[in-house]
Amino acid sequence: MPTPAADVVVVGSGGAGLLAAAVAADAGLRVVVLERTGLLGGTTAVSGGMIWAPGSPLLTDDSPDDALRYLTAVGEGSVDESVVEHYVKTIPEVVRWMLERTPVRLFPIDRPDYHSDWPGARDFGRCLDNEPFDTSSRPGLADRVRRGPQFPPLTYDERHRSRFTGPDQDLVARRRERGVLTVGAALVAALVAACDDRGVEFATGARAVGLLREGEAVTGVRTEDGRDFAGRAVVLASGGFEWDPALTRAFLGDTPVLPASPPVNHGDALRMAMAAGAALERMNQAWWVPAIVGVPEEYEGHPLTRHLVGERCLPGSILVDRHGKRFVNEAVNYHDITRTLFNFDADAHEPAHLPAWLVFDERFRTSYQVGPAAPTDPAPSWFTTAPTLAGLAERLGVDTAALEVTVARFNTHARTGTDPDFHRGETSHDRYYGDPRHTPNPCLGELSTPPFHAVRVAPGALGTKGGPATDLDARVLTPGGTPIPGLYACGNVAAAAAGPGYPGSGGTIGPALVAAYSAARSLVDKR
């Protein structure tokens, strides 16, 4: 028999796992958190760390009815009404609990919902950013927390506001010296601190590979090195499966997807839940993001995937497909624009758009950052560059006439600030990443200054969003709809409450925290 380790065994130390641990421990339960790697934080720690929180205590004038209307539309009719209602009801309680019971500090920013023109959407306040977290009063904490290699110690809002002028380097230096963490790492550090204060035990280097069972009930976890961690219940919170080739082939299809998360999300919890008889949902879905191909960067010995977010929305760039034509509003939210990359041309029996490229001119290159390439840098080798559009088309292998016609048409309309083809720049969401110094439309500008450049764009994933089906208490369900005793799942391990859509920035972490909080409250009520 395994030695009892705790009342609750949490697998994974991202935001979901940490919140579940903190809430359970706050109520007096003994909790152990298993982390596969040597650092805490998982996917949350390398993310922007925002929380999509309609009706939070920091946003007193939001309407639950508006949030319900909006989130229901985001779910595209595939999410049960009770799930949407539970989220809208619970996320304010989650935010309030963190603000009152942990060192987490949040503030609302003016980032619009991703479908800002839909009924019930808002331009301000549903997206919560993290205040900088100073670890200097907690020796050793900063060294325990994973962080995103692309994030300097600035809040998301600070980075956005300084994107054209550059950050305050003195502020960055001071924060680094004091061990100040921001964005996702700040959220993780604050939750780790909350767990430390409540006596939560952390076991790093502990890769969970199997569930312990007594009859139908789940009673603990076995790790890869043969250790057994027994408990009254197990909370699976160890991320998705986007780094596992076998699982991505089985569930995400044949189009390669570039993962933009720590290179350890191999679906360990998914396999354990499947072995326990869990029902699965949304297995072909992910938190999609367009990714730049070919940037020679690594993170922990694996390719580092750079998102293509702001570059698509700035004046002087367009996205073209294998035919040299535009095919989408480039400034639409990153999740939905990536969904268009999977389109298939039935007549030609080939992808409708892939390969695709972001095309821009020299003025754009010397004005805006593209991936890690700063405007003051020379054009890097991973750009495709040519002195003319015809030369660029030849290098890309697209139809020369089509590319030239596409750019000429775009330029004509950009001069008037309109996009009759795809309506780029017409919503507040589009304009959020535009250049407010550029008129008449902050998202539209000509491509006319040679040389011309392109970077290849492919589907990427912040994480997968399919997994075991769960109820409102985050209990894992069988195909018959009954809970598996003692087994819970939250975060990217489980099927996403947002369905196929993405409501706004923080739309991944918000549902993860709601499920984690619900799981912990259920465990507390059952003790």
Protein backbone atom coordinates (compact mmCIF):
# COMPACT_ATOMS: atom_id res chain seq x y z
CA MET A 1 0.00 0.00 0.00
CA PRO A 2 1.32 3.48 -0.81
CA THR A 3 2.17 5.82 2.03
CA PRO A 4 -0.59 8.47 2.36
CA ALA A 5 0.78 11.75 1.05
CA ALA A 6 -2.13 14.11 1.30
CA ASP A 7 -5.86 14.55 1.11
CA VAL A 8 -5.48 15.93 -2.41
CA VAL A 9 -2.82 15.17 -5.04
CA VAL A 10 -2.59 17.85 -7.72
CA VAL A 11 -0.81 16.94 -10.96
CA GLY A 12 0.68 20.07 -12.55
CA SER A 13 1.76 23.45 -11.20
CA GLY A 14 0.25 25.91 -13.67
CA GLY A 15 -2.34 28.44 -12.63
CA ALA A 16 -5.12 25.84 -12.40
CA GLY A 17 -3.18 23.37 -10.29
CA LEU A 18 -1.86 26.08 -7.97
CA LEU A 19 -5.26 27.64 -7.38
CA ALA A 20 -6.85 24.25 -6.70
CA ALA A 21 -4.06 23.53 -4.21
CA ALA A 22 -4.35 26.92 -2.49
CA VAL A 23 -8.13 26.78 -2.11
CA ALA A 24 -8.08 23.22 -0.76
CA ALA A 25 -5.22 23.93 1.63
CA ASP A 26 -6.90 27.14 2.81
CA ALA A 27 -9.75 24.96 4.06
CA GLY A 28 -7.37 22.71 5.97
CA LEU A 29 -6.83 19.89 3.49
CA ARG A 30 -3.36 18.41 3.09
CA VAL A 31 -2.21 18.99 -0.50
CA VAL A 32 0.77 17.86 -2.55
CA VAL A 33 1.50 19.29 -6.00
CA LEU A 34 3.45 17.13 -8.46
CA GLU A 35 5.44 18.94 -11.14
CA ARG A 36 7.15 17.03 -13.93
CA THR A 37 9.95 19.58 -14.40
CA GLY A 38 12.24 21.39 -12.00
CA LEU A 39 10.33 24.67 -12.31
CA LEU A 40 6.82 25.62 -11.26
CA GLY A 41 4.28 27.33 -13.44
CA GLY A 42 3.70 25.25 -16.56
CA THR A 43 2.03 26.94 -19.52
CA THR A 44 0.63 29.75 -17.34
CA ALA A 45 4.13 30.94 -16.43
CA VAL A 46 5.17 31.50 -20.05
CA SER A 47 1.89 33.15 -21.00
CA GLY A 48 0.69 36.73 -20.86
CA GLY A 49 -1.03 35.76 -17.63
CA MET A 50 -4.25 37.68 -18.23
CA ILE A 51 -7.60 36.52 -16.88
CA TRP A 52 -10.84 37.05 -18.81
CA ALA A 53 -13.16 37.93 -15.97
CA PRO A 54 -16.55 39.44 -16.79
CA GLY A 55 -18.25 40.94 -13.75
CA SER A 56 -15.13 40.83 -11.58
CA PRO A 57 -14.88 42.99 -8.43
CA LEU A 58 -12.55 45.24 -10.45
CA LEU A 59 -15.30 45.93 -13.00
CA THR A 60 -18.39 47.08 -11.17
CA ASP A 61 -20.50 48.10 -14.17
CA ASP A 62 -20.43 44.85 -16.16
CA SER A 63 -23.71 43.10 -16.80
CA PRO A 64 -24.08 39.33 -16.25
CA ASP A 65 -26.68 39.28 -18.99
CA ASP A 66 -24.23 40.90 -21.42
CA ALA A 67 -21.52 38.42 -20.45
CA LEU A 68 -23.91 35.48 -20.90
CA ARG A 69 -25.07 36.74 -24.28
CA TYR A 70 -21.51 37.26 -25.47
CA LEU A 71 -20.03 34.01 -24.13
CA THR A 72 -22.93 32.00 -25.51
CA ALA A 73 -22.18 33.38 -28.97
CA VAL A 74 -18.47 32.59 -28.56
CA GLY A 75 -19.38 28.96 -27.85
CA GLU A 76 -21.09 28.76 -31.26
CA GLY A 77 -24.05 26.88 -29.84
CA SER A 78 -21.95 23.92 -28.71
CA VAL A 79 -21.61 24.74 -25.00
CA ASP A 80 -24.35 23.82 -22.55
CA GLU A 81 -26.13 26.82 -21.07
CA SER A 82 -25.32 25.65 -17.54
CA VAL A 83 -21.59 25.77 -18.30
CA VAL A 84 -21.78 29.36 -19.52
CA GLU A 85 -23.89 30.40 -16.54
CA HIS A 86 -21.48 28.70 -14.14
CA TYR A 87 -18.54 30.57 -15.61
CA VAL A 88 -20.20 33.98 -15.49
CA LYS A 89 -21.36 33.35 -11.92
CA THR A 90 -18.09 31.90 -10.62
CA ILE A 91 -15.27 33.95 -12.17
CA PRO A 92 -16.05 37.04 -10.01
CA GLU A 93 -15.90 34.81 -6.92
CA VAL A 94 -12.55 33.38 -8.07
CA VAL A 95 -11.06 36.84 -8.58
CA ARG A 96 -12.39 38.03 -5.22
CA TRP A 97 -10.94 34.99 -3.45
CA MET A 98 -7.50 35.53 -4.98
CA LEU A 99 -7.48 39.24 -4.15
CA GLU A 100 -8.57 38.63 -0.56
CA ARG A 101 -6.74 35.40 0.24
CA THR A 102 -3.52 35.44 -1.82
CA PRO A 103 -0.82 37.90 -2.91
CA VAL A 104 -2.31 37.95 -6.44
CA ARG A 105 -2.90 41.56 -7.52
CA LEU A 106 -4.78 42.36 -10.71
CA PHE A 107 -5.92 45.42 -12.61
CA PRO A 108 -8.29 45.87 -15.58
CA ILE A 109 -6.92 47.01 -18.91
CA ASP A 110 -8.50 48.45 -22.03
CA ARG A 111 -8.09 45.38 -24.21
CA PRO A 112 -11.36 44.72 -26.05
CA ASP A 113 -13.11 41.38 -26.15
CA TYR A 114 -12.03 39.41 -29.22
CA HIS A 115 -15.39 39.96 -30.93
CA SER A 116 -15.74 43.55 -29.83
CA ASP A 117 -18.62 44.31 -32.20
CA TRP A 118 -20.84 41.47 -30.94
CA PRO A 119 -23.78 42.06 -28.58
CA GLY A 120 -22.62 41.89 -24.97
CA ALA A 121 -18.93 42.56 -25.72
CA ARG A 122 -16.85 45.18 -23.92
CA ASP A 123 -13.85 47.29 -24.83
CA PHE A 124 -12.52 47.70 -21.29
CA GLY A 125 -12.12 45.79 -18.08
CA ARG A 126 -12.92 42.14 -18.65
CA CYS A 127 -9.23 41.43 -19.24
CA LEU A 128 -7.25 41.55 -15.98
CA ASP A 129 -3.48 42.05 -16.03
CA ASN A 130 -1.12 41.12 -13.17
CA GLU A 131 0.59 43.72 -11.05
CA PRO A 132 4.38 43.15 -10.88
CA PHE A 133 5.21 40.62 -8.17
CA ASP A 134 8.33 41.45 -6.13
CA THR A 135 9.91 38.19 -4.94
CA SER A 136 12.67 39.88 -2.90
CA SER A 137 10.78 39.33 0.36
CA ARG A 138 10.54 35.60 -0.38
CA PRO A 139 14.10 34.33 -0.90
CA GLY A 140 14.38 31.58 -3.49
CA LEU A 141 10.87 32.00 -4.92
CA ALA A 142 11.98 33.54 -8.22
CA ASP A 143 14.34 30.62 -8.83
CA ARG A 144 11.44 28.15 -8.50
CA VAL A 145 9.23 29.79 -11.11
CA ARG A 146 9.32 29.24 -14.86
CA ARG A 147 9.08 32.33 -17.07
CA GLY A 148 8.54 33.11 -20.74
CA PRO A 149 11.78 33.82 -22.62
CA GLN A 150 10.09 36.50 -24.73
CA PHE A 151 8.78 38.56 -21.79
CA PRO A 152 10.83 41.31 -20.11
CA PRO A 153 9.70 42.19 -16.55
CA LEU A 154 6.89 44.46 -17.73
CA THR A 155 3.16 44.06 -17.34
CA TYR A 156 1.26 43.24 -20.49
CA ASP A 157 -0.21 46.72 -20.42
CA GLU A 158 3.23 48.33 -20.06
CA ARG A 159 4.57 46.34 -23.00
CA HIS A 160 1.61 47.35 -25.14
CA ARG A 161 1.90 51.04 -24.29
CA SER A 162 5.64 51.12 -25.00
CA ARG A 163 5.56 49.07 -28.21
CA PHE A 164 6.56 52.01 -30.42
CA THR A 165 8.92 53.83 -28.05
CA GLY A 166 10.62 50.88 -26.38
CA PRO A 167 10.46 50.00 -22.67
CA ASP A 168 11.95 52.01 -19.83
CA GLN A 169 15.27 50.20 -19.59
CA ASP A 170 16.02 51.59 -16.13
CA LEU A 171 12.73 50.18 -14.88
CA VAL A 172 13.48 46.82 -16.51
CA ALA A 173 16.94 46.74 -14.91
CA ARG A 174 15.58 47.60 -11.45
CA ARG A 175 12.94 44.92 -11.66
CA ARG A 176 15.40 42.28 -12.77
CA GLU A 177 17.72 43.18 -9.90
CA ARG A 178 14.90 42.80 -7.36
CA GLY A 179 13.50 39.62 -8.87
CA VAL A 180 10.25 41.25 -9.95
CA LEU A 181 8.07 38.94 -12.04
CA THR A 182 5.30 40.00 -14.40
CA VAL A 183 2.58 38.57 -16.65
CA GLY A 184 2.09 34.80 -16.28
CA ALA A 185 5.14 34.36 -14.05
CA ALA A 186 3.71 36.95 -11.62
CA LEU A 187 0.42 35.07 -11.36
CA VAL A 188 2.27 31.81 -10.76
CA ALA A 189 4.63 33.31 -8.17
CA ALA A 190 1.73 34.82 -6.22
CA LEU A 191 -0.13 31.51 -6.20
CA VAL A 192 3.01 29.57 -5.23
CA ALA A 193 3.43 32.00 -2.35
CA ALA A 194 -0.18 31.38 -1.31
CA CYS A 195 0.45 27.63 -1.39
CA ASP A 196 3.68 28.01 0.61
CA ASP A 197 1.83 30.00 3.26
CA ARG A 198 -0.69 27.17 3.63
CA GLY A 199 1.81 24.33 3.84
CA VAL A 200 1.27 22.85 0.40
CA GLU A 201 4.01 20.35 -0.44
CA PHE A 202 5.69 20.56 -3.86
CA ALA A 203 7.38 17.59 -5.49
CA THR A 204 9.32 18.65 -8.58
CA GLY A 205 10.85 16.22 -11.05
CA ALA A 206 7.79 14.04 -10.44
CA ARG A 207 6.21 12.99 -13.73
CA ALA A 208 2.83 11.40 -13.11
CA VAL A 209 2.20 8.38 -15.34
CA GLY A 210 -0.59 6.41 -13.67
CA LEU A 211 -3.53 6.65 -11.31
CA LEU A 212 -3.89 4.57 -8.16
CA ARG A 213 -7.30 2.92 -7.81
CA GLU A 214 -9.34 1.23 -5.12
CA GLY A 215 -12.24 -0.26 -6.98
CA GLU A 216 -13.74 2.52 -9.10
CA ALA A 217 -12.26 5.29 -6.96
CA VAL A 218 -9.07 7.16 -7.79
CA THR A 219 -6.85 7.31 -4.70
CA GLY A 220 -3.52 8.67 -5.86
CA VAL A 221 -0.82 8.94 -8.48
CA ARG A 222 2.20 6.89 -9.49
CA THR A 223 5.21 8.72 -10.92
CA GLU A 224 7.63 7.68 -13.62
CA ASP A 225 10.31 6.86 -11.06
CA GLY A 226 8.02 4.48 -9.17
CA ARG A 227 6.85 6.71 -6.32
CA ASP A 228 3.25 6.51 -5.16
CA PHE A 229 1.45 9.59 -3.88
CA ALA A 230 -1.77 8.55 -2.19
CA GLY A 231 -4.67 10.85 -1.51
CA ARG A 232 -8.42 11.08 -1.17
CA ALA A 233 -8.67 12.64 -4.62
CA VAL A 234 -6.56 13.63 -7.62
CA VAL A 235 -6.80 16.89 -9.55
CA LEU A 236 -5.33 16.64 -13.05
CA ALA A 237 -3.95 20.03 -14.15
CA SER A 238 -0.82 19.27 -16.15
CA GLY A 239 -1.52 20.94 -19.49
CA GLY A 240 -2.44 19.70 -22.93
CA PHE A 241 -0.91 17.33 -25.46
CA GLU A 242 0.41 19.71 -28.14
CA TRP A 243 4.00 18.43 -27.85
CA ASP A 244 3.14 14.75 -28.29
CA PRO A 245 3.40 13.62 -31.95
CA ALA A 246 1.24 10.53 -31.52
CA LEU A 247 -1.58 12.39 -29.81
CA THR A 248 -1.50 15.37 -32.17
CA ARG A 249 -1.63 13.04 -35.20
CA ALA A 250 -4.52 11.16 -33.65
CA PHE A 251 -6.60 14.17 -32.67
CA LEU A 252 -5.44 17.41 -34.35
CA GLY A 253 -5.14 16.05 -37.88
CA ASP A 254 -2.45 16.01 -40.54
CA THR A 255 -1.61 19.72 -40.74
CA PRO A 256 1.50 20.31 -38.60
CA VAL A 257 0.90 22.57 -35.61
CA LEU A 258 3.70 24.50 -33.90
CA PRO A 259 3.33 24.35 -30.10
CA ALA A 260 3.84 27.62 -28.21
CA SER A 261 4.10 26.22 -24.69
CA PRO A 262 6.75 24.55 -22.51
CA PRO A 263 8.03 21.46 -24.35
CA VAL A 264 6.73 19.04 -21.73
CA ASN A 265 3.01 19.02 -22.51
CA HIS A 266 2.79 15.44 -23.75
CA GLY A 267 -0.71 14.59 -22.60
CA ASP A 268 0.33 12.65 -19.49
CA ALA A 269 -2.92 13.46 -17.70
CA LEU A 270 -4.96 12.75 -20.82
CA ARG A 271 -3.56 9.24 -20.99
CA MET A 272 -4.25 8.67 -17.30
CA ALA A 273 -7.83 9.90 -17.65
CA MET A 274 -8.39 7.71 -20.72
CA ALA A 275 -7.09 4.68 -18.81
CA ALA A 276 -9.56 5.48 -16.03
CA GLY A 277 -12.45 5.39 -18.51
CA ALA A 278 -13.04 9.10 -19.01
CA ALA A 279 -15.26 10.45 -21.75
CA LEU A 280 -13.46 12.83 -24.11
CA GLU A 281 -14.58 16.07 -25.73
CA ARG A 282 -13.20 18.66 -28.18
CA MET A 283 -10.13 16.59 -28.97
CA ASN A 284 -9.61 18.24 -32.37
CA GLN A 285 -9.42 21.73 -30.90
CA ALA A 286 -6.71 23.96 -29.49
CA TRP A 287 -6.10 27.54 -28.42
CA TRP A 288 -4.91 28.45 -31.90
CA VAL A 289 -2.40 31.17 -32.76
CA PRO A 290 -0.60 31.99 -36.02
CA ALA A 291 3.09 31.22 -35.67
CA ILE A 292 6.19 32.48 -37.46
CA VAL A 293 8.13 29.69 -39.16
CA GLY A 294 11.91 29.60 -39.20
CA VAL A 295 12.97 31.82 -36.31
CA PRO A 296 16.20 30.21 -35.03
CA GLU A 297 15.41 30.35 -31.32
CA GLU A 298 15.21 27.61 -28.71
CA TYR A 299 13.63 27.13 -25.30
CA GLU A 300 14.91 24.26 -23.18
CA GLY A 301 16.46 22.60 -26.21
CA HIS A 302 13.36 22.80 -28.40
CA PRO A 303 12.26 25.32 -31.05
CA LEU A 304 10.68 28.43 -29.57
CA THR A 305 7.48 29.34 -31.38
CA ARG A 306 6.91 33.06 -31.85
CA HIS A 307 3.30 34.18 -32.11
CA LEU A 308 2.28 36.48 -34.95
CA VAL A 309 -0.10 38.87 -33.23
CA GLY A 310 0.53 42.61 -33.47
CA GLU A 311 2.43 42.47 -36.76
CA ARG A 312 -0.74 41.44 -38.62
CA CYS A 313 -2.66 44.49 -37.41
CA LEU A 314 -0.14 47.24 -38.14
CA PRO A 315 -0.30 49.41 -41.27
CA GLY A 316 1.82 48.09 -44.14
CA SER A 317 1.50 44.32 -43.82
CA ILE A 318 -0.80 41.76 -45.42
CA LEU A 319 -1.27 38.02 -45.12
CA VAL A 320 -1.26 36.15 -48.42
CA ASP A 321 -1.81 32.50 -49.22
CA ARG A 322 -0.30 29.99 -51.61
CA HIS A 323 -2.00 31.84 -54.48
CA GLY A 324 -0.53 35.24 -53.57
CA LYS A 325 -3.92 36.55 -52.45
CA ARG A 326 -5.32 37.93 -49.23
CA PHE A 327 -7.88 35.61 -47.66
CA VAL A 328 -8.83 37.05 -44.26
CA ASN A 329 -8.99 40.17 -42.13
CA GLU A 330 -5.42 40.10 -40.82
CA ALA A 331 -6.37 41.93 -37.61
CA VAL A 332 -9.01 39.47 -36.45
CA ASN A 333 -8.23 37.67 -33.17
CA TYR A 334 -5.36 35.19 -33.33
CA HIS A 335 -7.49 32.16 -32.49
CA ASP A 336 -10.00 32.58 -35.30
CA ILE A 337 -7.51 33.72 -37.94
CA THR A 338 -5.62 30.48 -37.36
CA ARG A 339 -8.78 28.44 -37.91
CA THR A 340 -8.86 29.76 -41.50
CA LEU A 341 -5.40 28.25 -42.12
CA PHE A 342 -6.92 24.76 -41.94
CA ASN A 343 -9.33 25.39 -44.84
CA PHE A 344 -9.25 22.84 -47.66
CA ASP A 345 -9.77 23.38 -51.40
CA ALA A 346 -11.88 20.43 -52.49
CA ASP A 347 -11.50 21.10 -56.24
CA ALA A 348 -7.71 21.34 -56.14
CA HIS A 349 -7.47 18.72 -53.36
CA GLU A 350 -4.94 20.79 -51.43
CA PRO A 351 -4.89 23.24 -48.55
CA ALA A 352 -6.82 26.34 -49.53
CA HIS A 353 -4.25 28.74 -48.08
CA LEU A 354 -1.12 27.04 -46.78
CA PRO A 355 1.64 27.86 -47.14
CA ALA A 356 0.91 31.44 -46.12
CA TRP A 357 3.12 34.48 -45.58
CA LEU A 358 3.05 37.86 -43.90
CA VAL A 359 4.26 40.29 -46.57
CA PHE A 360 5.53 43.79 -45.78
CA ASP A 361 7.85 46.44 -47.14
CA GLU A 362 11.03 48.12 -45.92
CA ARG A 363 9.16 50.99 -44.29
CA PHE A 364 7.25 48.48 -42.18
CA ARG A 365 10.44 46.56 -41.32
CA THR A 366 12.20 49.68 -40.07
CA SER A 367 9.14 50.90 -38.16
CA TYR A 368 7.88 47.83 -36.31
CA GLN A 369 9.22 44.73 -34.63
CA VAL A 370 8.60 41.44 -36.44
CA GLY A 371 9.00 38.51 -34.09
CA PRO A 372 12.34 39.05 -32.33
CA ALA A 373 13.65 41.32 -35.15
CA ALA A 374 13.75 44.94 -33.97
CA PRO A 375 13.30 47.85 -36.43
CA THR A 376 16.93 48.84 -35.86
CA ASP A 377 18.22 45.36 -36.75
CA PRO A 378 19.21 44.40 -40.30
CA ALA A 379 16.79 42.09 -42.05
CA PRO A 380 17.47 38.62 -40.56
CA SER A 381 18.18 35.53 -42.62
CA TRP A 382 14.79 34.02 -41.77
CA PHE A 383 13.07 36.80 -43.73
CA THR A 384 12.51 36.17 -47.43
CA THR A 385 13.59 39.39 -49.15
CA ALA A 386 13.58 40.67 -52.74
CA PRO A 387 13.99 44.11 -54.39
CA THR A 388 10.60 43.88 -56.12
CA LEU A 389 7.23 42.27 -55.51
CA ALA A 390 7.79 40.13 -58.60
CA GLY A 391 11.08 38.93 -57.18
CA LEU A 392 9.45 38.20 -53.83
CA ALA A 393 6.67 36.24 -55.51
CA GLU A 394 9.25 34.15 -57.34
CA ARG A 395 11.12 33.41 -54.14
CA LEU A 396 7.90 32.45 -52.37
CA GLY A 397 6.65 30.35 -55.25
CA VAL A 398 3.37 32.25 -55.66
CA ASP A 399 1.81 33.72 -58.79
CA THR A 400 3.57 37.00 -59.59
CA ALA A 401 0.60 38.72 -61.18
CA ALA A 402 -1.69 37.71 -58.32
CA LEU A 403 0.64 39.14 -55.67
CA GLU A 404 1.12 42.39 -57.58
CA VAL A 405 -2.64 42.80 -58.10
CA THR A 406 -3.29 41.98 -54.44
CA VAL A 407 -0.83 44.61 -53.19
CA ALA A 408 -2.02 47.23 -55.69
CA ARG A 409 -5.65 46.77 -54.64
CA PHE A 410 -4.73 46.84 -50.96
CA ASN A 411 -2.67 50.01 -51.42
CA THR A 412 -5.50 51.80 -53.21
CA HIS A 413 -7.87 51.17 -50.33
CA ALA A 414 -5.25 51.75 -47.63
CA ARG A 415 -4.82 55.31 -48.85
CA THR A 416 -8.48 55.95 -48.05
CA GLY A 417 -8.41 53.93 -44.82
CA THR A 418 -10.91 51.33 -45.98
CA ASP A 419 -10.82 47.60 -46.58
CA PRO A 420 -13.94 46.62 -48.54
CA ASP A 421 -12.61 43.07 -48.97
CA PHE A 422 -12.14 42.09 -45.31
CA HIS A 423 -13.02 45.18 -43.21
CA ARG A 424 -9.68 45.35 -41.41
CA GLY A 425 -9.52 48.07 -38.80
CA GLU A 426 -13.27 48.55 -38.42
CA THR A 427 -13.60 47.18 -34.85
CA SER A 428 -12.02 48.26 -31.60
CA HIS A 429 -10.38 44.85 -31.36
CA ASP A 430 -8.70 45.30 -34.74
CA ARG A 431 -7.48 48.76 -33.77
CA TYR A 432 -6.05 47.65 -30.40
CA TYR A 433 -2.88 46.43 -32.08
CA GLY A 434 -2.87 49.08 -34.80
CA ASP A 435 -0.69 52.18 -34.86
CA PRO A 436 -2.72 55.12 -33.52
CA ARG A 437 -0.21 57.52 -35.08
CA HIS A 438 -1.26 56.32 -38.52
CA THR A 439 -4.33 57.81 -40.17
CA PRO A 440 -7.00 57.47 -41.38
CA ASN A 441 -6.98 53.80 -40.33
CA PRO A 442 -4.42 52.59 -37.75
CA CYS A 443 -4.41 49.12 -39.31
CA LEU A 444 -4.04 50.01 -43.00
CA GLY A 445 -0.95 51.29 -44.80
CA GLU A 446 0.61 50.92 -48.23
CA LEU A 447 3.30 48.40 -49.15
CA SER A 448 5.40 50.48 -51.52
CA THR A 449 8.94 50.89 -50.22
CA PRO A 450 11.44 48.28 -51.50
CA PRO A 451 12.87 45.87 -50.68
CA PHE A 452 9.92 43.66 -49.86
CA HIS A 453 9.93 41.00 -47.18
CA ALA A 454 7.94 37.97 -46.09
CA VAL A 455 7.85 35.56 -43.16
CA ARG A 456 6.13 32.23 -43.39
CA VAL A 457 3.09 31.69 -41.16
CA ALA A 458 1.76 28.34 -39.92
CA PRO A 459 -0.85 27.17 -37.42
CA GLY A 460 0.36 27.24 -33.83
CA ALA A 461 -1.20 26.33 -30.51
CA LEU A 462 -0.90 27.97 -27.10
CA GLY A 463 -2.18 24.64 -25.84
CA THR A 464 -4.79 22.05 -26.70
CA LYS A 465 -8.35 22.49 -25.40
CA GLY A 466 -9.70 18.95 -25.55
CA GLY A 467 -9.65 16.27 -22.89
CA PRO A 468 -11.80 14.47 -20.37
CA ALA A 469 -15.37 15.69 -20.07
CA THR A 470 -16.14 17.23 -16.68
CA ASP A 471 -19.17 18.50 -14.78
CA LEU A 472 -19.54 21.92 -13.11
CA ASP A 473 -17.47 20.69 -10.16
CA ALA A 474 -14.68 19.66 -12.57
CA ARG A 475 -15.28 15.98 -11.80
CA VAL A 476 -14.18 13.74 -14.65
CA LEU A 477 -17.08 11.93 -16.27
CA THR A 478 -17.47 8.51 -17.87
CA PRO A 479 -19.11 8.12 -21.31
CA GLY A 480 -22.33 7.47 -19.40
CA GLY A 481 -22.09 10.84 -17.68
CA THR A 482 -21.31 9.61 -14.16
CA PRO A 483 -18.35 11.02 -12.21
CA ILE A 484 -15.27 8.87 -11.71
CA PRO A 485 -14.90 8.95 -7.90
CA GLY A 486 -11.94 10.98 -6.75
CA LEU A 487 -10.87 12.30 -10.17
CA TYR A 488 -10.98 15.97 -11.20
CA ALA A 489 -9.51 17.87 -14.17
CA CYS A 490 -8.99 21.55 -14.94
CA GLY A 491 -7.10 23.74 -17.38
CA ASN A 492 -5.87 22.51 -20.75
CA VAL A 493 -6.06 18.93 -19.47
CA ALA A 494 -9.84 19.07 -19.73
CA ALA A 495 -12.37 19.90 -22.41
CA ALA A 496 -12.62 23.69 -22.64
CA ALA A 497 -15.69 25.49 -21.33
CA ALA A 498 -15.37 28.06 -24.13
CA GLY A 499 -16.14 25.45 -26.77
CA PRO A 500 -14.54 26.11 -30.15
CA GLY A 501 -14.28 29.87 -29.51
CA TYR A 502 -12.09 32.28 -27.57
CA PRO A 503 -13.79 35.17 -25.75
CA GLY A 504 -10.88 37.49 -25.07
CA SER A 505 -7.40 37.84 -23.67
CA GLY A 506 -7.20 35.57 -20.65
CA GLY A 507 -9.83 33.28 -22.15
CA THR A 508 -7.61 30.27 -21.48
CA ILE A 509 -6.63 31.07 -17.88
CA GLY A 510 -10.07 32.28 -16.79
CA PRO A 511 -11.85 28.95 -17.41
CA ALA A 512 -8.88 27.06 -15.99
CA LEU A 513 -9.15 28.99 -12.72
CA VAL A 514 -12.93 28.57 -12.56
CA ALA A 515 -12.61 24.80 -12.95
CA ALA A 516 -9.78 24.65 -10.41
CA TYR A 517 -11.74 26.68 -7.88
CA SER A 518 -14.84 24.55 -8.45
CA ALA A 519 -12.86 21.34 -7.99
CA ALA A 520 -11.32 22.55 -4.74
CA ARG A 521 -14.65 23.75 -3.34
CA SER A 522 -16.18 20.36 -4.18
CA LEU A 523 -13.34 18.59 -2.38
CA VAL A 524 -13.72 20.83 0.65
CA ASP A 525 -17.48 20.22 0.78
CA LYS A 526 -16.96 16.44 0.62
CA ARG A 527 -14.39 16.12 3.38
